[in-house]
Protein backbone atom coordinates (compact mmCIF):
# COMPACT_ATOMS: atom_id res chain seq x y z
CA MET A 1 -104.87 -10.67 106.34
CA PRO A 2 -106.04 -8.13 108.87
CA ILE A 3 -107.20 -4.76 107.75
CA ALA A 4 -104.75 -2.26 109.16
CA ASP A 5 -106.37 1.10 108.46
CA SER A 6 -109.45 2.84 107.20
CA GLN A 7 -108.07 3.04 103.64
CA SER A 8 -107.99 -0.74 103.51
CA GLY A 9 -111.55 -0.77 104.80
CA SER A 10 -112.64 1.40 101.86
CA ALA A 11 -110.84 -0.80 99.41
CA PHE A 12 -112.47 -3.87 100.97
CA SER A 13 -115.93 -2.33 100.70
CA SER A 14 -115.25 -1.41 97.08
CA PHE A 15 -114.04 -4.92 96.37
CA VAL A 16 -117.15 -6.43 97.94
CA ASP A 17 -119.33 -4.13 95.86
CA GLN A 18 -117.60 -5.33 92.69
CA VAL A 19 -118.00 -8.97 93.63
CA ARG A 20 -121.64 -8.41 94.55
CA ARG A 21 -122.33 -7.11 91.06
CA ILE A 22 -121.15 -10.31 89.38
CA GLU A 23 -124.05 -12.44 88.14
CA CYS A 24 -122.39 -15.80 88.76
CA SER A 25 -124.66 -17.86 86.58
CA SER A 26 -124.30 -15.72 83.50
CA LEU A 27 -120.57 -15.34 83.96
CA ILE A 28 -120.06 -19.10 84.27
CA SER A 29 -122.49 -20.11 81.51
CA SER A 30 -121.35 -17.45 78.99
CA SER A 31 -118.04 -19.08 78.16
CA ASP A 32 -115.08 -21.05 79.35
CA ASP A 33 -113.28 -17.69 79.66
CA GLY A 34 -115.95 -16.62 82.15
CA PHE A 35 -115.39 -19.77 84.20
CA ASP A 36 -111.64 -19.12 84.12
CA LEU A 37 -112.16 -15.52 85.18
CA LEU A 38 -114.26 -16.65 88.13
CA ASN A 39 -111.62 -19.18 89.14
CA ALA A 40 -108.97 -16.48 88.93
CA LEU A 41 -110.98 -14.13 91.07
CA MET A 42 -111.51 -16.78 93.74
CA SER A 43 -107.83 -17.71 93.76
CA ALA A 44 -106.35 -14.22 93.77
CA ALA A 45 -108.79 -12.43 96.05
CA PRO A 46 -107.08 -10.97 99.13
CA VAL A 47 -110.21 -11.83 101.20
CA GLY A 48 -112.05 -15.00 102.02
CA LEU A 49 -114.82 -15.63 99.55
CA ALA A 50 -117.45 -18.37 99.61
CA VAL A 51 -120.77 -19.26 98.04
CA ALA A 52 -123.48 -21.16 99.95
CA ASP A 53 -126.70 -22.54 98.50
CA LEU A 54 -130.21 -21.92 99.80
CA ASN A 55 -129.63 -24.50 102.59
CA LEU A 56 -126.49 -22.60 103.65
CA ARG A 57 -124.31 -25.42 102.37
CA PHE A 58 -120.96 -24.35 100.98
CA VAL A 59 -120.64 -24.96 97.24
CA ARG A 60 -117.52 -22.88 96.65
CA ALA A 61 -114.82 -21.27 98.78
CA ASN A 62 -111.32 -19.97 98.29
CA ASP A 63 -108.13 -20.74 100.19
CA ALA A 64 -108.28 -17.41 102.08
CA PHE A 65 -111.74 -18.34 103.35
CA ALA A 66 -110.43 -21.74 104.51
CA VAL A 67 -107.57 -20.12 106.41
CA LEU A 68 -109.83 -17.63 108.11
CA SER A 69 -112.39 -20.31 108.99
CA GLY A 70 -109.76 -22.52 110.52
CA HIS A 71 -110.74 -25.53 108.42
CA PRO A 72 -109.05 -27.10 105.43
CA LEU A 73 -110.92 -26.36 102.21
CA ASN A 74 -111.93 -30.02 101.70
CA GLN A 75 -113.67 -29.91 105.12
CA ILE A 76 -115.71 -26.82 104.19
CA LEU A 77 -117.18 -27.75 100.82
CA ASP A 78 -120.55 -29.55 100.96
CA ARG A 79 -120.90 -28.77 104.66
CA THR A 80 -123.22 -26.14 106.13
CA LEU A 81 -122.25 -22.86 107.74
CA LYS A 82 -123.52 -24.28 110.97
CA GLU A 83 -121.38 -27.36 110.71
CA THR A 84 -118.22 -25.29 110.15
CA SER A 85 -118.90 -22.62 112.77
CA SER A 86 -118.69 -22.59 116.55
CA PRO A 87 -122.04 -22.07 118.32
CA ALA A 88 -120.98 -18.54 119.23
CA VAL A 89 -120.11 -17.61 115.63
CA TRP A 90 -123.21 -19.35 114.22
CA ALA A 91 -125.46 -17.28 116.51
CA GLN A 92 -123.95 -14.10 114.96
CA ILE A 93 -123.89 -15.15 111.31
CA GLU A 94 -127.11 -17.18 110.85
CA PRO A 95 -129.39 -14.07 110.87
CA LEU A 96 -127.13 -12.37 108.26
CA ALA A 97 -127.10 -15.37 105.91
CA ARG A 98 -130.87 -15.89 106.29
CA ARG A 99 -131.56 -12.24 105.59
CA ALA A 100 -129.62 -12.49 102.33
CA ILE A 101 -131.56 -15.55 101.26
CA ASP A 102 -135.04 -14.86 102.66
CA LYS A 103 -135.28 -11.11 102.07
CA GLY A 104 -132.67 -10.62 99.36
CA GLN A 105 -130.92 -8.05 101.53
CA ALA A 106 -127.16 -7.74 101.94
CA THR A 107 -125.21 -7.01 105.12
CA TYR A 108 -121.80 -5.48 104.67
CA ASP A 109 -118.83 -5.08 107.00
CA HIS A 110 -120.44 -6.67 110.04
CA ILE A 111 -118.00 -7.51 112.84
CA VAL A 112 -118.15 -11.05 114.13
CA PHE A 113 -116.10 -12.21 117.12
CA GLU A 114 -115.21 -15.36 118.95
CA ASP A 115 -113.36 -15.96 122.19
CA GLY A 116 -111.19 -18.99 121.56
CA GLY A 117 -110.02 -19.00 125.16
CA ASP A 118 -106.42 -19.96 125.84
CA THR A 119 -106.06 -21.59 122.42
CA THR A 120 -106.63 -18.71 120.06
CA GLY A 121 -107.78 -15.81 122.21
CA LEU A 122 -110.31 -13.26 121.00
CA ARG A 123 -110.66 -13.20 117.20
CA HIS A 124 -112.57 -10.73 115.03
CA TRP A 125 -113.67 -10.88 111.37
CA ARG A 126 -115.35 -8.40 109.11
CA VAL A 127 -118.00 -10.29 107.21
CA SER A 128 -120.44 -9.57 104.43
CA TYR A 129 -123.39 -11.66 103.33
CA PHE A 130 -125.11 -10.83 100.08
CA PRO A 131 -127.74 -12.53 97.94
CA LEU A 132 -126.69 -14.13 94.69
CA ARG A 133 -129.33 -13.97 92.03
CA ALA A 134 -129.84 -15.87 88.80
CA ARG A 135 -132.76 -15.27 86.45
CA GLY A 136 -134.28 -12.77 88.86
CA ARG A 137 -134.39 -15.00 92.02
CA VAL A 138 -132.06 -15.55 94.93
CA THR A 139 -130.15 -18.82 94.37
CA GLY A 140 -127.60 -18.58 97.13
CA VAL A 141 -125.56 -16.33 99.38
CA GLY A 142 -122.15 -14.83 98.73
CA ILE A 143 -119.85 -14.46 101.72
CA SER A 144 -116.71 -12.41 102.17
CA VAL A 145 -114.57 -12.39 105.26
CA VAL A 146 -111.46 -10.56 106.39
CA GLY A 147 -109.65 -11.01 109.69
CA VAL A 148 -109.33 -7.79 111.73
């Protein structure tokens, strides 16, 4: 799923902007069709998408996110970002996730890297962390990730 050129980067940013605008709680609670639409978005998205609660515990993630994180989906849900990240990655992403929750500020297209040594080599991801709001308050953080 790596982004190959600047045009893909623009499309990615546009996609993230569209996802950011979704008010998850109203979409899900408005109808069964809304819930189906959200499920379809998560399944079909060409990027890794996840939702974490205020304690940075994953409550939702798609298959693309699982592949990019290197963990099976059932080992991501109900675990924290810290539990599913290496110390090197956690040091880079914790401030971004906390900023989304504590200040309500998004970070888009941030490059995160990890040196997996002989096993995986140097890996890079383009990540975005953005606050998810319901009824005027931040209720979690949305996460998108693309391998680069």
